[in-house]
């Protein structure tokens, strides 16, 4: 019985070793057949990771440089080096700072230039400020008449207030009626409409 068990154990060991050798040969064949594509995929993954990390680090550097330049400019708005650094690292932040400076100095030409050059939120605010800087309710009404005007209702309120100051309540009321009933500015519009009726 012991001899039979020994033979069976040896057979099982040989079978396990054969399986191991077969698997090793299969792996070796697979490696030789697909070695170049495997190395290419691994290299591409490594290069992609390095490139992503590099781009991320560069973006973080640009953001920190722009923030540092903005802090310098808030303390000293005439610092040309910081202004150029801000412009080079973040155009939107540069446009926002330039608009802030133009509004503070009431420079309507510069506000209009920023409105033409900028897009997005800064451009929209600059368009509103350019219309407001003219001091004419017609300019604000033209701004509000644009279909995509972000500050449409605020422009209507401002224009209506200017018409009321000019003693033209009918024009003011016509603008105030354009403000939506669900607008947060509706209560202010209603108060101004009351002024239109009373003629104050």
Foldseek 3Di string as FASTA:
>chain_A
DVVVVVVVVVVVVVVVVVVVVVVVVVVVVVCVVCVVVVVVVVVVVVVVVVVVVVVVVVLVVLVVLLVVLVVVCVVPVVPVVSLVSNCVRPVVVSLVVQCVVCLVVLPLVSLVVSLVPDDDPSVLVSQCSNLVSVVALVSLCVLLPPPPRPCNLVSLLVSLVSCLVVQNLVVNLVSLVPDDPPDPCVVVSVVSNVCSVVSD
